[in-house]
């Protein structure tokens, strides 16, 4: 069966779309010619206002909403008095928010709304309670939320949420109290540290057995440690 292209008038006998045009070019060209100078009224899906667009356009947002800069976290417009000068919004990190959503039950529906702050505080309080009050270790928290990298709990997650970490002494005492401390493993992995006084009267803090051995060599040869 022979068809005639509605744009260029060319005859063609192969199956193509609805058999109105012989090519994509003719299809687009015909659409452009017939919609030129014609417009339609659309309703903005964000603000609900009416705006005019070309007949063949699929635009759904008005120019005012398109040009409006909105905070990704709290949903407020970035103006001088709103989110633009809000330090709380500036500290947030897209990747860390995604991690909280994927692993720590952060409600993603609050992103872009004022409820983002409430949800952020909720996750902060849950993790802080587990860490300080219930005395969970990083490995316990990672296991609880099925999070694979326990080292990131204090290294990234707590730093982002503003949760204070235990110091070295507190970590050891908490581990002993909850039967998580193995002295043999600790002694095996602990680095040798000591204060060393040189032949010329200066004192240095050495952080490994390698530094100690080298310091002894310098004493024998009476070389100056720098």
N, C-alpha and C. Protein backbone atom coordinates (compact mmCIF):
# COMPACT_ATOMS: atom_id res chain seq x y z
N UNK A 1 0.84 -1.21 0.00
CA UNK A 1 0.00 0.00 0.00
C UNK A 1 0.87 1.25 0.00
N UNK A 2 0.53 2.22 -0.80
CA UNK A 2 1.31 3.44 -0.95
C UNK A 2 0.69 4.54 -0.09
N UNK A 3 1.57 5.24 0.65
CA UNK A 3 1.13 6.36 1.49
C UNK A 3 1.77 7.65 0.99
N UNK A 4 1.13 8.77 1.28
CA UNK A 4 1.66 10.08 0.89
C UNK A 4 1.97 10.89 2.14
N UNK A 5 3.20 11.39 2.23
CA UNK A 5 3.63 12.17 3.39
C UNK A 5 2.86 13.49 3.42
N UNK A 6 2.29 13.81 4.58
CA UNK A 6 1.49 15.03 4.73
C UNK A 6 2.34 16.29 4.77
N UNK A 7 3.65 16.12 4.93
CA UNK A 7 4.52 17.30 4.99
C UNK A 7 5.16 17.63 3.65
N UNK A 8 5.81 16.62 3.06
CA UNK A 8 6.54 16.89 1.82
C UNK A 8 5.85 16.33 0.57
N UNK A 9 4.82 15.51 0.72
CA UNK A 9 4.09 14.96 -0.42
C UNK A 9 4.75 13.75 -1.04
N UNK A 10 5.84 13.29 -0.45
CA UNK A 10 6.55 12.14 -0.98
C UNK A 10 5.75 10.86 -0.76
N UNK A 11 5.78 9.97 -1.79
CA UNK A 11 5.10 8.69 -1.67
C UNK A 11 6.03 7.66 -1.01
N UNK A 12 5.48 6.85 -0.15
CA UNK A 12 6.28 5.79 0.49
C UNK A 12 5.37 4.59 0.75
N UNK A 13 5.97 3.41 0.68
CA UNK A 13 5.17 2.18 0.80
C UNK A 13 5.58 1.32 2.00
N UNK A 14 6.34 1.90 2.93
CA UNK A 14 6.74 1.12 4.10
C UNK A 14 5.98 1.59 5.33
N UNK A 15 5.92 0.69 6.31
CA UNK A 15 5.19 0.98 7.54
C UNK A 15 6.01 1.93 8.41
N UNK A 16 5.43 3.07 8.79
CA UNK A 16 6.15 4.04 9.60
C UNK A 16 5.17 4.80 10.49
N UNK A 17 5.27 4.57 11.79
CA UNK A 17 4.36 5.23 12.73
C UNK A 17 2.91 5.04 12.29
N UNK A 18 2.21 6.17 12.13
CA UNK A 18 0.80 6.07 11.71
C UNK A 18 0.67 6.27 10.21
N UNK A 19 1.83 6.20 9.50
CA UNK A 19 1.87 6.34 8.04
C UNK A 19 1.41 7.70 7.54
N UNK A 20 1.62 8.74 8.38
CA UNK A 20 1.29 10.11 7.96
C UNK A 20 2.51 10.82 7.40
N UNK A 21 3.71 10.45 7.85
CA UNK A 21 4.94 11.11 7.43
C UNK A 21 5.99 10.08 7.04
N UNK A 22 6.88 10.50 6.16
CA UNK A 22 7.89 9.57 5.65
C UNK A 22 9.13 9.50 6.53
N UNK A 23 9.29 10.47 7.44
CA UNK A 23 10.49 10.49 8.29
C UNK A 23 10.22 11.29 9.56
N UNK A 24 11.15 11.19 10.51
CA UNK A 24 11.06 11.99 11.73
C UNK A 24 11.13 13.48 11.41
N UNK A 25 11.98 13.81 10.44
CA UNK A 25 12.14 15.22 10.08
C UNK A 25 10.81 15.82 9.63
N UNK A 26 10.09 15.10 8.77
CA UNK A 26 8.81 15.60 8.28
C UNK A 26 7.77 15.67 9.38
N UNK A 27 7.84 14.72 10.29
CA UNK A 27 6.90 14.71 11.41
C UNK A 27 7.09 15.95 12.29
N UNK A 28 8.37 16.25 12.63
CA UNK A 28 8.67 17.41 13.46
C UNK A 28 8.39 18.71 12.71
N UNK A 29 8.73 18.73 11.45
CA UNK A 29 8.52 19.94 10.64
C UNK A 29 7.04 20.27 10.53
N UNK A 30 6.22 19.27 10.30
CA UNK A 30 4.77 19.47 10.20
C UNK A 30 4.20 19.99 11.52
N UNK A 31 4.67 19.41 12.63
CA UNK A 31 4.20 19.82 13.95
C UNK A 31 4.56 21.27 14.24
N UNK A 32 5.79 21.65 13.85
CA UNK A 32 6.25 23.03 14.09
C UNK A 32 5.46 24.04 13.27
N UNK A 33 5.24 23.72 12.01
CA UNK A 33 4.51 24.64 11.12
C UNK A 33 3.07 24.86 11.57
N UNK A 34 2.44 23.80 12.02
CA UNK A 34 1.03 23.89 12.37
C UNK A 34 0.78 24.45 13.76
N UNK A 35 1.84 24.47 14.60
CA UNK A 35 1.66 25.03 15.94
C UNK A 35 2.26 26.41 16.08
N UNK A 36 2.91 26.90 15.06
CA UNK A 36 3.55 28.21 15.11
C UNK A 36 2.51 29.32 15.26
N UNK A 37 2.73 30.15 16.28
CA UNK A 37 1.82 31.25 16.53
C UNK A 37 0.59 30.87 17.32
N UNK A 38 0.48 29.60 17.69
CA UNK A 38 -0.67 29.14 18.46
C UNK A 38 -0.24 28.84 19.89
N UNK A 39 -1.08 29.14 20.84
CA UNK A 39 -0.72 28.98 22.26
C UNK A 39 -1.85 28.27 23.02
N UNK A 40 -1.50 27.77 24.19
CA UNK A 40 -2.48 27.15 25.06
C UNK A 40 -2.23 27.60 26.50
N UNK A 41 -3.24 27.51 27.33
CA UNK A 41 -3.14 27.93 28.72
C UNK A 41 -2.89 26.70 29.61
N UNK A 42 -1.88 26.81 30.46
CA UNK A 42 -1.55 25.73 31.39
C UNK A 42 -1.64 26.24 32.82
N UNK A 43 -1.80 25.30 33.75
CA UNK A 43 -1.82 25.62 35.18
C UNK A 43 -0.53 25.13 35.81
N UNK A 44 0.19 26.02 36.47
CA UNK A 44 1.46 25.67 37.09
C UNK A 44 1.22 24.62 38.19
N UNK A 45 1.99 23.53 38.16
CA UNK A 45 1.80 22.45 39.13
C UNK A 45 2.34 22.81 40.51
N UNK A 46 3.08 23.92 40.61
CA UNK A 46 3.63 24.34 41.90
C UNK A 46 2.80 25.41 42.59
N UNK A 47 2.51 26.50 41.86
CA UNK A 47 1.79 27.61 42.50
C UNK A 47 0.33 27.71 42.08
N UNK A 48 -0.06 26.98 41.02
CA UNK A 48 -1.46 26.98 40.59
C UNK A 48 -1.85 28.13 39.70
N UNK A 49 -0.89 28.99 39.34
CA UNK A 49 -1.22 30.13 38.47
C UNK A 49 -1.32 29.69 37.01
N UNK A 50 -2.04 30.49 36.21
CA UNK A 50 -2.22 30.22 34.78
C UNK A 50 -1.10 30.90 33.99
N UNK A 51 -0.60 30.21 32.97
CA UNK A 51 0.42 30.80 32.11
C UNK A 51 0.27 30.25 30.69
N UNK A 52 0.74 31.03 29.73
CA UNK A 52 0.58 30.70 28.31
C UNK A 52 1.86 30.11 27.74
N UNK A 53 1.72 29.04 26.97
CA UNK A 53 2.87 28.39 26.34
C UNK A 53 2.52 28.04 24.89
N UNK A 54 3.53 27.81 24.03
CA UNK A 54 3.27 27.37 22.66
C UNK A 54 2.47 26.07 22.63
N UNK A 55 1.72 25.86 21.59
CA UNK A 55 0.81 24.73 21.49
C UNK A 55 1.51 23.38 21.62
N UNK A 56 2.74 23.27 21.07
CA UNK A 56 3.43 21.98 21.09
C UNK A 56 4.37 21.84 22.29
N UNK A 57 4.31 22.77 23.25
CA UNK A 57 5.17 22.71 24.43
C UNK A 57 4.51 21.85 25.53
N UNK A 58 5.35 21.22 26.34
CA UNK A 58 4.84 20.38 27.44
C UNK A 58 5.24 20.97 28.80
N UNK A 59 5.56 22.23 28.82
CA UNK A 59 5.98 22.91 30.05
C UNK A 59 4.87 22.89 31.10
N UNK A 60 5.23 22.56 32.36
CA UNK A 60 4.24 22.43 33.43
C UNK A 60 4.47 23.41 34.58
N UNK A 61 5.60 24.13 34.54
CA UNK A 61 5.93 25.07 35.61
C UNK A 61 6.09 26.46 35.03
N UNK A 62 5.51 27.45 35.68
CA UNK A 62 5.61 28.83 35.19
C UNK A 62 7.02 29.37 35.41
N UNK A 63 7.35 30.45 34.70
CA UNK A 63 8.70 31.02 34.77
C UNK A 63 9.05 31.52 36.17
N UNK A 64 8.05 32.03 36.89
CA UNK A 64 8.30 32.54 38.24
C UNK A 64 8.77 31.41 39.16
N UNK A 65 8.09 30.29 39.08
CA UNK A 65 8.48 29.13 39.93
C UNK A 65 9.79 28.51 39.45
N UNK A 66 10.00 28.53 38.15
CA UNK A 66 11.22 27.95 37.58
C UNK A 66 12.45 28.72 38.03
N UNK A 67 12.34 30.04 38.09
CA UNK A 67 13.47 30.89 38.46
C UNK A 67 13.64 31.05 39.97
N UNK A 68 12.67 30.58 40.71
CA UNK A 68 12.73 30.71 42.17
C UNK A 68 13.74 29.70 42.74
N UNK A 69 14.69 30.17 43.51
CA UNK A 69 15.69 29.29 44.12
C UNK A 69 15.18 28.82 45.48
N UNK A 70 15.02 27.50 45.60
CA UNK A 70 14.46 26.92 46.81
C UNK A 70 15.48 26.01 47.47
N UNK A 71 15.58 26.08 48.79
CA UNK A 71 16.50 25.24 49.54
C UNK A 71 16.10 23.77 49.38
N UNK A 72 17.06 22.93 49.07
CA UNK A 72 16.80 21.50 48.86
C UNK A 72 16.37 20.82 50.15
N UNK A 73 16.77 21.38 51.30
CA UNK A 73 16.50 20.74 52.58
C UNK A 73 15.18 21.19 53.20
N UNK A 74 15.03 22.50 53.42
CA UNK A 74 13.86 22.99 54.16
C UNK A 74 12.72 23.46 53.26
N UNK A 75 12.98 23.61 51.95
CA UNK A 75 11.92 24.00 51.03
C UNK A 75 11.64 25.48 50.98
N UNK A 76 12.36 26.28 51.78
CA UNK A 76 12.13 27.72 51.79
C UNK A 76 12.82 28.38 50.59
N UNK A 77 12.24 29.51 50.16
CA UNK A 77 12.86 30.26 49.08
C UNK A 77 14.13 30.91 49.60
N UNK A 78 15.18 30.86 48.78
CA UNK A 78 16.47 31.42 49.19
C UNK A 78 16.45 32.93 49.00
N UNK A 79 16.07 33.61 50.05
CA UNK A 79 16.07 35.08 50.05
C UNK A 79 16.98 35.56 51.17
N UNK A 80 17.14 36.86 51.25
CA UNK A 80 18.03 37.43 52.28
C UNK A 80 17.57 37.08 53.68
N UNK A 81 16.25 37.05 53.90
CA UNK A 81 15.74 36.79 55.25
C UNK A 81 15.42 35.32 55.50
N UNK A 82 15.38 34.49 54.48
CA UNK A 82 15.05 33.08 54.68
C UNK A 82 16.28 32.20 54.65
N UNK A 83 16.25 31.21 53.78
CA UNK A 83 17.26 30.15 53.80
C UNK A 83 18.65 30.60 53.36
N UNK A 84 18.75 31.70 52.65
CA UNK A 84 20.05 32.11 52.13
C UNK A 84 21.06 32.35 53.24
N UNK A 85 20.59 32.87 54.38
CA UNK A 85 21.49 33.14 55.50
C UNK A 85 21.32 32.15 56.64
N UNK A 86 20.66 31.03 56.38
CA UNK A 86 20.41 30.03 57.42
C UNK A 86 21.60 29.09 57.52
N UNK A 87 22.38 29.21 58.58
CA UNK A 87 23.56 28.36 58.75
C UNK A 87 23.20 26.89 58.92
N UNK A 88 22.01 26.64 59.46
CA UNK A 88 21.60 25.26 59.67
C UNK A 88 21.50 24.51 58.35
N UNK A 89 20.95 25.18 57.33
CA UNK A 89 20.81 24.53 56.02
C UNK A 89 22.18 24.36 55.33
N UNK A 90 23.09 25.30 55.61
CA UNK A 90 24.39 25.26 54.94
C UNK A 90 25.25 24.07 55.37
N UNK A 91 25.02 23.54 56.59
CA UNK A 91 25.87 22.44 57.06
C UNK A 91 25.46 21.09 56.49
N UNK A 92 24.29 21.03 55.86
CA UNK A 92 23.80 19.74 55.40
C UNK A 92 24.51 19.30 54.13
N UNK A 93 24.59 17.99 53.99
CA UNK A 93 25.32 17.38 52.90
C UNK A 93 24.41 16.39 52.20
N UNK A 94 24.30 16.51 50.87
CA UNK A 94 23.40 15.65 50.11
C UNK A 94 23.70 14.17 50.34
N UNK A 95 24.97 13.80 50.29
CA UNK A 95 25.34 12.39 50.41
C UNK A 95 25.01 11.84 51.78
N UNK A 96 25.24 12.63 52.82
CA UNK A 96 24.94 12.15 54.17
C UNK A 96 23.43 12.03 54.39
N UNK A 97 22.65 12.93 53.79
CA UNK A 97 21.19 12.82 53.89
C UNK A 97 20.72 11.53 53.20
N UNK A 98 21.30 11.21 52.05
CA UNK A 98 20.95 9.97 51.35
C UNK A 98 21.30 8.75 52.19
N UNK A 99 22.44 8.82 52.89
CA UNK A 99 22.84 7.71 53.77
C UNK A 99 21.83 7.54 54.90
N UNK A 100 21.38 8.65 55.48
CA UNK A 100 20.39 8.58 56.56
C UNK A 100 19.07 8.00 56.05
N UNK A 101 18.70 8.35 54.82
CA UNK A 101 17.46 7.83 54.23
C UNK A 101 17.58 6.33 53.98
N UNK A 102 18.71 5.91 53.41
CA UNK A 102 18.89 4.51 53.01
C UNK A 102 19.13 3.56 54.17
N UNK A 103 19.75 4.05 55.25
CA UNK A 103 20.17 3.13 56.32
C UNK A 103 19.62 3.46 57.71
N UNK A 104 19.22 4.70 57.96
CA UNK A 104 18.86 5.08 59.33
C UNK A 104 17.41 5.56 59.46
N UNK A 105 16.58 5.10 58.54
CA UNK A 105 15.12 5.33 58.61
C UNK A 105 14.73 6.81 58.59
N UNK A 106 15.53 7.63 57.93
CA UNK A 106 15.17 9.03 57.76
C UNK A 106 14.03 9.12 56.75
N UNK A 107 12.96 9.84 57.10
CA UNK A 107 11.80 9.97 56.23
C UNK A 107 12.11 10.92 55.08
N UNK A 108 12.25 10.37 53.88
CA UNK A 108 12.63 11.18 52.72
C UNK A 108 11.52 12.14 52.31
N UNK A 109 10.28 11.88 52.75
CA UNK A 109 9.18 12.77 52.40
C UNK A 109 9.29 14.13 53.09
N UNK A 110 10.16 14.23 54.10
CA UNK A 110 10.33 15.51 54.80
C UNK A 110 11.35 16.40 54.10
N UNK A 111 12.10 15.85 53.16
CA UNK A 111 13.11 16.64 52.44
C UNK A 111 12.41 17.68 51.57
N UNK A 112 12.83 18.92 51.71
CA UNK A 112 12.20 20.01 50.96
C UNK A 112 11.03 20.63 51.69
N UNK A 113 10.83 20.25 52.96
CA UNK A 113 9.76 20.83 53.76
C UNK A 113 10.34 21.29 55.11
N UNK A 114 9.55 22.04 55.85
CA UNK A 114 10.00 22.51 57.17
C UNK A 114 10.13 21.36 58.16
N UNK A 115 9.51 20.22 57.87
CA UNK A 115 9.61 19.06 58.75
C UNK A 115 10.97 18.36 58.66
N UNK A 116 11.80 18.82 57.71
CA UNK A 116 13.14 18.24 57.57
C UNK A 116 13.92 18.40 58.87
N UNK A 117 13.80 19.56 59.53
CA UNK A 117 14.54 19.81 60.76
C UNK A 117 14.09 18.89 61.88
N UNK A 118 12.77 18.65 61.96
CA UNK A 118 12.24 17.76 63.00
C UNK A 118 12.74 16.33 62.79
N UNK A 119 12.77 15.91 61.53
CA UNK A 119 13.23 14.55 61.24
C UNK A 119 14.73 14.42 61.50
N UNK A 120 15.47 15.46 61.18
CA UNK A 120 16.92 15.48 61.43
C UNK A 120 17.19 15.37 62.93
N UNK A 121 16.44 16.11 63.73
CA UNK A 121 16.59 16.04 65.18
C UNK A 121 16.18 14.68 65.74
N UNK A 122 15.17 14.07 65.12
CA UNK A 122 14.71 12.74 65.58
C UNK A 122 15.82 11.70 65.40
N UNK A 123 16.45 11.70 64.22
CA UNK A 123 17.54 10.74 63.98
C UNK A 123 18.73 11.05 64.89
N UNK A 124 19.01 12.33 65.09
CA UNK A 124 20.09 12.74 65.99
C UNK A 124 19.85 12.19 67.39
N UNK A 125 18.63 12.34 67.91
CA UNK A 125 18.31 11.91 69.27
C UNK A 125 18.37 10.39 69.41
N UNK A 126 17.93 9.67 68.38
CA UNK A 126 17.95 8.20 68.43
C UNK A 126 19.38 7.69 68.51
N UNK A 127 20.25 8.19 67.63
CA UNK A 127 21.64 7.71 67.61
C UNK A 127 22.42 8.16 68.84
N UNK A 128 22.16 9.39 69.30
CA UNK A 128 22.84 9.88 70.50
C UNK A 128 22.43 9.06 71.72
N UNK A 129 21.16 8.69 71.80
CA UNK A 129 20.67 7.87 72.91
C UNK A 129 21.31 6.48 72.89
N UNK A 130 21.41 5.89 71.71
CA UNK A 130 22.02 4.57 71.59
C UNK A 130 23.50 4.61 71.98
N UNK A 131 24.17 5.67 71.58
CA UNK A 131 25.61 5.77 71.78
C UNK A 131 25.97 6.13 73.22
N UNK A 132 25.27 7.12 73.80
CA UNK A 132 25.64 7.62 75.13
C UNK A 132 24.85 6.97 76.27
N UNK A 133 23.56 6.82 76.11
CA UNK A 133 22.75 6.28 77.20
C UNK A 133 22.74 4.74 77.23
N UNK A 134 22.56 4.15 76.06
CA UNK A 134 22.55 2.68 75.99
C UNK A 134 23.94 2.09 75.81
N UNK A 135 24.91 2.98 75.58
CA UNK A 135 26.33 2.61 75.48
C UNK A 135 26.61 1.59 74.37
N UNK A 136 25.95 1.80 73.23
CA UNK A 136 26.23 0.98 72.05
C UNK A 136 27.58 1.37 71.47
N UNK A 137 28.27 0.41 70.90
CA UNK A 137 29.50 0.71 70.16
C UNK A 137 29.13 1.06 68.72
N UNK A 138 30.10 1.52 67.97
CA UNK A 138 29.86 1.83 66.55
C UNK A 138 29.42 0.58 65.80
N UNK A 139 30.02 -0.57 66.16
CA UNK A 139 29.68 -1.82 65.51
C UNK A 139 28.25 -2.24 65.86
N UNK A 140 27.83 -1.99 67.11
CA UNK A 140 26.46 -2.31 67.53
C UNK A 140 25.45 -1.47 66.75
N UNK A 141 25.75 -0.17 66.60
CA UNK A 141 24.85 0.73 65.87
C UNK A 141 24.78 0.34 64.39
N UNK A 142 25.94 0.02 63.81
CA UNK A 142 25.98 -0.38 62.40
C UNK A 142 25.18 -1.67 62.18
N UNK A 143 25.29 -2.59 63.11
CA UNK A 143 24.54 -3.85 63.01
C UNK A 143 23.05 -3.60 63.18
N UNK A 144 22.68 -2.71 64.08
CA UNK A 144 21.27 -2.41 64.34
C UNK A 144 20.58 -1.86 63.09
N UNK A 145 21.30 -1.05 62.31
CA UNK A 145 20.72 -0.42 61.12
C UNK A 145 21.18 -1.07 59.82
N UNK A 146 21.87 -2.21 59.94
CA UNK A 146 22.36 -2.92 58.76
C UNK A 146 23.24 -2.01 57.89
N UNK A 147 24.11 -1.27 58.55
CA UNK A 147 25.04 -0.35 57.88
C UNK A 147 26.42 -1.01 57.85
N UNK A 148 26.99 -1.17 56.67
CA UNK A 148 28.18 -2.00 56.52
C UNK A 148 29.46 -1.38 57.06
N UNK A 149 29.61 -0.07 56.95
CA UNK A 149 30.87 0.57 57.34
C UNK A 149 30.75 1.18 58.73
N UNK A 150 31.11 0.40 59.76
CA UNK A 150 31.00 0.88 61.14
C UNK A 150 31.92 2.07 61.41
N UNK A 151 33.05 2.13 60.70
CA UNK A 151 34.00 3.23 60.91
C UNK A 151 33.43 4.58 60.55
N UNK A 152 32.42 4.60 59.67
CA UNK A 152 31.81 5.87 59.26
C UNK A 152 30.81 6.41 60.28
N UNK A 153 30.45 5.58 61.26
CA UNK A 153 29.45 6.01 62.25
C UNK A 153 29.95 7.26 62.97
N UNK A 154 31.15 7.17 63.56
CA UNK A 154 31.71 8.34 64.25
C UNK A 154 32.46 9.24 63.28
N UNK A 155 33.05 8.66 62.24
CA UNK A 155 33.85 9.45 61.31
C UNK A 155 33.04 10.40 60.45
N UNK A 156 31.82 9.99 60.05
CA UNK A 156 31.02 10.82 59.14
C UNK A 156 29.62 11.10 59.68
N UNK A 157 28.90 10.03 60.08
CA UNK A 157 27.51 10.20 60.50
C UNK A 157 27.40 11.08 61.74
N UNK A 158 28.18 10.76 62.78
CA UNK A 158 28.12 11.55 64.02
C UNK A 158 28.62 12.97 63.79
N UNK A 159 29.64 13.12 63.00
CA UNK A 159 30.17 14.46 62.71
C UNK A 159 29.12 15.30 61.99
N UNK A 160 28.40 14.68 61.07
CA UNK A 160 27.36 15.39 60.34
C UNK A 160 26.19 15.76 61.25
N UNK A 161 25.80 14.84 62.12
CA UNK A 161 24.66 15.08 63.01
C UNK A 161 25.04 15.94 64.21
N UNK A 162 26.34 16.15 64.43
CA UNK A 162 26.78 16.96 65.56
C UNK A 162 26.76 16.20 66.88
N UNK A 163 26.95 14.87 66.82
CA UNK A 163 26.98 14.05 68.03
C UNK A 163 28.43 13.92 68.50
N UNK A 164 28.68 14.27 69.75
CA UNK A 164 30.02 14.19 70.31
C UNK A 164 30.44 12.73 70.48
N UNK A 165 31.68 12.44 70.17
CA UNK A 165 32.20 11.07 70.29
C UNK A 165 32.93 10.88 71.63
N UNK A 166 33.03 9.65 72.07
CA UNK A 166 33.77 9.35 73.29
C UNK A 166 35.25 9.59 73.06
N UNK A 167 35.94 10.03 74.12
CA UNK A 167 37.38 10.12 74.01
C UNK A 167 37.98 8.73 74.23
N UNK A 168 39.29 8.64 74.14
CA UNK A 168 39.94 7.32 74.21
C UNK A 168 39.64 6.61 75.53
N UNK A 169 39.73 7.34 76.63
CA UNK A 169 39.50 6.75 77.95
C UNK A 169 38.05 6.29 78.10
N UNK A 170 37.11 7.12 77.66
CA UNK A 170 35.69 6.77 77.75
C UNK A 170 35.37 5.54 76.91
N UNK A 171 36.00 5.44 75.74
CA UNK A 171 35.75 4.29 74.86
C UNK A 171 36.23 3.00 75.51
N UNK A 172 37.44 3.04 76.13
CA UNK A 172 37.98 1.84 76.79
C UNK A 172 37.12 1.45 77.99
N UNK A 173 36.75 2.42 78.81
CA UNK A 173 35.96 2.13 80.01
C UNK A 173 34.57 1.59 79.65
N UNK A 174 33.96 2.14 78.60
CA UNK A 174 32.64 1.66 78.15
C UNK A 174 32.75 0.24 77.61
N UNK A 175 33.82 -0.04 76.88
CA UNK A 175 34.01 -1.38 76.34
C UNK A 175 34.22 -2.40 77.45
N UNK A 176 34.99 -2.04 78.48
CA UNK A 176 35.22 -2.94 79.62
C UNK A 176 33.90 -3.18 80.36
N UNK A 177 33.15 -2.13 80.58
CA UNK A 177 31.88 -2.22 81.32
C UNK A 177 30.90 -3.14 80.62
N UNK A 178 30.90 -3.14 79.29
CA UNK A 178 29.94 -3.94 78.52
C UNK A 178 30.55 -5.22 77.94
N UNK A 179 31.69 -5.63 78.53
CA UNK A 179 32.35 -6.90 78.14
C UNK A 179 32.70 -6.96 76.64
N UNK A 180 33.10 -5.79 76.10
CA UNK A 180 33.51 -5.76 74.70
C UNK A 180 35.02 -5.59 74.57
N UNK A 181 35.72 -5.55 75.70
CA UNK A 181 37.14 -5.24 75.67
C UNK A 181 37.96 -6.53 75.84
N UNK A 182 38.83 -6.80 74.88
CA UNK A 182 39.72 -7.96 74.93
C UNK A 182 41.15 -7.46 75.12
N UNK A 183 41.71 -7.61 76.33
CA UNK A 183 43.06 -7.08 76.60
C UNK A 183 44.13 -7.65 75.67
N UNK A 184 43.98 -8.90 75.29
CA UNK A 184 45.00 -9.53 74.45
C UNK A 184 45.03 -8.89 73.05
N UNK A 185 43.85 -8.63 72.52
CA UNK A 185 43.79 -7.97 71.21
C UNK A 185 44.31 -6.55 71.31
N UNK A 186 43.97 -5.89 72.42
CA UNK A 186 44.42 -4.51 72.63
C UNK A 186 45.94 -4.43 72.70
N UNK A 187 46.54 -5.34 73.49
CA UNK A 187 48.00 -5.33 73.66
C UNK A 187 48.71 -5.72 72.37
N UNK A 188 48.08 -6.62 71.62
CA UNK A 188 48.69 -7.07 70.37
C UNK A 188 48.73 -5.96 69.33
N UNK A 189 47.65 -5.16 69.28
CA UNK A 189 47.54 -4.13 68.24
C UNK A 189 48.03 -2.76 68.69
N UNK A 190 48.34 -2.62 70.00
CA UNK A 190 48.72 -1.30 70.49
C UNK A 190 50.15 -0.95 70.09
N UNK A 191 50.36 0.27 69.64
CA UNK A 191 51.69 0.71 69.24
C UNK A 191 52.52 1.04 70.49
N UNK A 192 53.81 0.83 70.36
CA UNK A 192 54.72 1.15 71.45
C UNK A 192 54.95 2.65 71.47
N UNK A 193 54.74 3.27 72.63
CA UNK A 193 54.97 4.71 72.76
C UNK A 193 55.80 4.97 74.01
N UNK A 194 56.63 5.98 73.95
CA UNK A 194 57.44 6.34 75.12
C UNK A 194 58.07 7.71 74.91
N UNK A 195 58.50 8.32 76.02
CA UNK A 195 59.27 9.55 75.95
C UNK A 195 60.74 9.19 75.96
N UNK A 196 61.49 9.82 75.06
CA UNK A 196 62.91 9.49 74.91
C UNK A 196 63.76 10.74 75.11
N UNK A 197 64.76 10.61 75.99
CA UNK A 197 65.67 11.72 76.24
C UNK A 197 66.96 11.49 75.47
N UNK A 198 67.35 12.47 74.66
CA UNK A 198 68.51 12.32 73.80
C UNK A 198 69.81 12.63 74.55
N UNK A 199 70.93 12.33 73.91
CA UNK A 199 72.24 12.55 74.52
C UNK A 199 72.53 14.03 74.77
N UNK A 200 71.83 14.91 74.02
CA UNK A 200 72.06 16.35 74.22
C UNK A 200 70.99 16.99 75.11
N UNK A 201 70.20 16.16 75.85
CA UNK A 201 69.28 16.66 76.87
C UNK A 201 67.87 17.00 76.42
N UNK A 202 67.51 16.78 75.17
CA UNK A 202 66.17 17.08 74.68
C UNK A 202 65.27 15.85 74.79
N UNK A 203 63.97 16.09 74.99
CA UNK A 203 63.01 14.99 75.15
C UNK A 203 62.03 14.97 73.98
N UNK A 204 61.80 13.76 73.45
CA UNK A 204 60.88 13.58 72.32
C UNK A 204 59.89 12.46 72.64
N UNK A 205 58.69 12.58 72.08
CA UNK A 205 57.68 11.53 72.24
C UNK A 205 57.73 10.62 71.02
N UNK A 206 58.03 9.34 71.24
CA UNK A 206 58.15 8.37 70.16
C UNK A 206 56.88 7.53 70.07
N UNK A 207 56.41 7.30 68.84
CA UNK A 207 55.09 6.69 68.66
C UNK A 207 55.12 5.26 68.14
N UNK A 208 56.28 4.66 67.99
CA UNK A 208 56.34 3.27 67.54
C UNK A 208 57.70 2.68 67.88
N UNK A 209 57.80 1.37 67.77
CA UNK A 209 59.07 0.68 68.04
C UNK A 209 60.12 1.06 67.00
N UNK A 210 59.67 1.41 65.80
CA UNK A 210 60.62 1.82 64.76
C UNK A 210 61.30 3.13 65.15
N UNK A 211 60.53 4.06 65.69
CA UNK A 211 61.12 5.33 66.13
C UNK A 211 62.04 5.12 67.33
N UNK A 212 61.66 4.17 68.21
CA UNK A 212 62.51 3.87 69.38
C UNK A 212 63.85 3.30 68.94
N UNK A 213 63.83 2.34 68.02
CA UNK A 213 65.07 1.74 67.52
C UNK A 213 65.96 2.77 66.84
N UNK A 214 65.31 3.66 66.07
CA UNK A 214 66.09 4.68 65.38
C UNK A 214 66.69 5.68 66.37
N UNK A 215 65.93 5.99 67.43
CA UNK A 215 66.44 6.90 68.46
C UNK A 215 67.65 6.31 69.16
N UNK A 216 67.64 5.01 69.43
CA UNK A 216 68.78 4.34 70.05
C UNK A 216 70.01 4.39 69.15
N UNK A 217 69.76 4.26 67.85
CA UNK A 217 70.86 4.36 66.90
C UNK A 217 71.47 5.77 66.91
N UNK A 218 70.60 6.79 67.00
CA UNK A 218 71.08 8.17 67.03
C UNK A 218 71.86 8.48 68.30
N UNK A 219 71.47 7.81 69.43
CA UNK A 219 72.21 8.01 70.69
C UNK A 219 73.61 7.44 70.57
N UNK A 220 73.71 6.26 69.97
CA UNK A 220 75.01 5.61 69.82
C UNK A 220 75.93 6.43 68.92
N UNK A 221 75.37 6.97 67.86
CA UNK A 221 76.19 7.72 66.91
C UNK A 221 76.28 9.20 67.25
N UNK A 222 75.48 9.61 68.31
CA UNK A 222 75.45 11.00 68.77
C UNK A 222 75.05 11.98 67.64
N UNK A 223 74.07 11.53 66.88
CA UNK A 223 73.50 12.41 65.86
C UNK A 223 72.32 13.16 66.46
N UNK A 224 72.01 14.32 65.93
CA UNK A 224 70.94 15.16 66.48
C UNK A 224 69.60 14.77 65.86
N UNK A 225 68.60 14.55 66.71
CA UNK A 225 67.24 14.25 66.23
C UNK A 225 66.57 15.53 65.79
N UNK A 226 65.97 15.52 64.62
CA UNK A 226 65.25 16.68 64.10
C UNK A 226 63.77 16.35 63.94
